[in-house]
Amino acid sequence: MYSPKLNPDLVRKLYQLKMSVGKPMTHLINEAVEEYLRRKDNEESGSDTEVDIKVNERGNKNIEEGIC
């Protein structure tokens, strides 16, 4: 399987975030990539509705929908 190398500065920041929120770095990276791809998809489709998924301290997802 392909495993891209991350910038060491990003790894350091991810580690600090992992320690503060208590989630594995792989989960944080998955969330970030999913959000990035969702935003890119919305840009390409010309969607005027943006859906934000935010994760609170307990790891529960909150969905907020708004018109851009």
C-alpha atoms as a PDB file:
ATOM      1  CA  MET A   1       0.000   0.000   0.000  1.00  0.00           C
ATOM      2  CA  TYR A   2       1.169   3.535  -0.759  1.00  0.00           C
ATOM      3  CA  SER A   3       2.138   5.530   2.344  1.00  0.00           C
ATOM      4  CA  PRO A   4       2.933   9.159   1.568  1.00  0.00           C
ATOM      5  CA  LYS A   5       5.571  10.861   3.698  1.00  0.00           C
ATOM      6  CA  LEU A   6       4.315  13.825   5.682  1.00  0.00           C
ATOM      7  CA  ASN A   7       6.295  16.969   6.332  1.00  0.00           C
ATOM      8  CA  PRO A   8       8.037  16.595   9.747  1.00  0.00           C
ATOM      9  CA  ASP A   9       6.590  19.940  10.881  1.00  0.00           C
ATOM     10  CA  LEU A  10       3.077  18.639  10.182  1.00  0.00           C
ATOM     11  CA  VAL A  11       3.796  15.435  12.093  1.00  0.00           C
ATOM     12  CA  ARG A  12       4.940  17.488  15.077  1.00  0.00           C
ATOM     13  CA  LYS A  13       1.767  19.612  15.000  1.00  0.00           C
ATOM     14  CA  LEU A  14      -0.419  16.529  14.563  1.00  0.00           C
ATOM     15  CA  TYR A  15       1.250  14.901  17.551  1.00  0.00           C
ATOM     16  CA  GLN A  16       0.541  17.975  19.686  1.00  0.00           C
ATOM     17  CA  LEU A  17      -3.088  17.960  18.524  1.00  0.00           C
ATOM     18  CA  LYS A  18      -3.343  14.219  19.232  1.00  0.00           C
ATOM     19  CA  MET A  19      -2.166  14.798  22.777  1.00  0.00           C
ATOM     20  CA  SER A  20      -4.650  17.632  23.374  1.00  0.00           C
ATOM     21  CA  VAL A  21      -7.740  15.925  21.900  1.00  0.00           C
ATOM     22  CA  GLY A  22      -6.878  12.316  22.724  1.00  0.00           C
ATOM     23  CA  LYS A  23      -7.440  10.916  19.243  1.00  0.00           C
ATOM     24  CA  PRO A  24      -4.982   8.903  17.146  1.00  0.00           C
ATOM     25  CA  MET A  25      -3.103  10.854  14.498  1.00  0.00           C
ATOM     26  CA  THR A  26      -4.555   8.612  11.784  1.00  0.00           C
ATOM     27  CA  HIS A  27      -8.075   9.674  12.801  1.00  0.00           C
ATOM     28  CA  LEU A  28      -7.081  13.348  12.735  1.00  0.00           C
ATOM     29  CA  ILE A  29      -5.522  12.967   9.282  1.00  0.00           C
ATOM     30  CA  ASN A  30      -8.566  11.081   7.955  1.00  0.00           C
ATOM     31  CA  GLU A  31     -10.882  13.835   9.219  1.00  0.00           C
ATOM     32  CA  ALA A  32      -8.702  16.537   7.640  1.00  0.00           C
ATOM     33  CA  VAL A  33      -8.499  14.785   4.266  1.00  0.00           C
ATOM     34  CA  GLU A  34     -12.242  14.030   4.245  1.00  0.00           C
ATOM     35  CA  GLU A  35     -13.014  17.696   4.955  1.00  0.00           C
ATOM     36  CA  TYR A  36     -10.576  18.876   2.267  1.00  0.00           C
ATOM     37  CA  LEU A  37     -12.066  16.517  -0.341  1.00  0.00           C
ATOM     38  CA  ARG A  38     -15.624  17.522   0.621  1.00  0.00           C
ATOM     39  CA  ARG A  39     -14.748  21.200   0.161  1.00  0.00           C
ATOM     40  CA  LYS A  40     -13.014  20.549  -3.176  1.00  0.00           C
ATOM     41  CA  ASP A  41     -16.031  18.556  -4.354  1.00  0.00           C
ATOM     42  CA  ASN A  42     -18.345  21.433  -3.374  1.00  0.00           C
ATOM     43  CA  GLU A  43     -16.146  23.920  -5.258  1.00  0.00           C
ATOM     44  CA  GLU A  44     -16.123  21.779  -8.390  1.00  0.00           C
ATOM     45  CA  SER A  45     -19.853  21.079  -8.318  1.00  0.00           C
ATOM     46  CA  GLY A  46     -20.680  24.746  -7.823  1.00  0.00           C
ATOM     47  CA  SER A  47     -22.724  23.941  -4.750  1.00  0.00           C
ATOM     48  CA  ASP A  48     -23.932  26.965  -2.803  1.00  0.00           C
ATOM     49  CA  THR A  49     -24.655  24.919   0.289  1.00  0.00           C
ATOM     50  CA  GLU A  50     -21.818  24.082   2.622  1.00  0.00           C
ATOM     51  CA  VAL A  51     -22.065  21.385   5.251  1.00  0.00           C
ATOM     52  CA  ASP A  52     -19.635  21.625   8.147  1.00  0.00           C
ATOM     53  CA  ILE A  53     -18.971  18.591  10.284  1.00  0.00           C
ATOM     54  CA  LYS A  54     -17.338  19.477  13.564  1.00  0.00           C
ATOM     55  CA  VAL A  55     -16.123  17.001  16.136  1.00  0.00           C
ATOM     56  CA  ASN A  56     -16.524  17.982  19.759  1.00  0.00           C
ATOM     57  CA  GLU A  57     -14.305  16.893  22.660  1.00  0.00           C
ATOM     58  CA  ARG A  58     -16.163  13.598  23.054  1.00  0.00           C
ATOM     59  CA  GLY A  59     -15.648  12.666  19.393  1.00  0.00           C
ATOM     60  CA  ASN A  60     -19.309  13.249  18.484  1.00  0.00           C
ATOM     61  CA  LYS A  61     -19.938  14.818  15.104  1.00  0.00           C
ATOM     62  CA  ASN A  62     -22.111  17.913  14.859  1.00  0.00           C
ATOM     63  CA  ILE A  63     -23.427  18.796  11.408  1.00  0.00           C
ATOM     64  CA  GLU A  64     -24.144  22.401  10.597  1.00  0.00           C
ATOM     65  CA  GLU A  65     -25.605  23.352   7.223  1.00  0.00           C
ATOM     66  CA  GLY A  66     -25.487  26.854   5.854  1.00  0.00           C
ATOM     67  CA  ILE A  67     -25.904  28.753   2.616  1.00  0.00           C
ATOM     68  CA  CYS A  68     -22.703  30.224   1.221  1.00  0.00           C
END
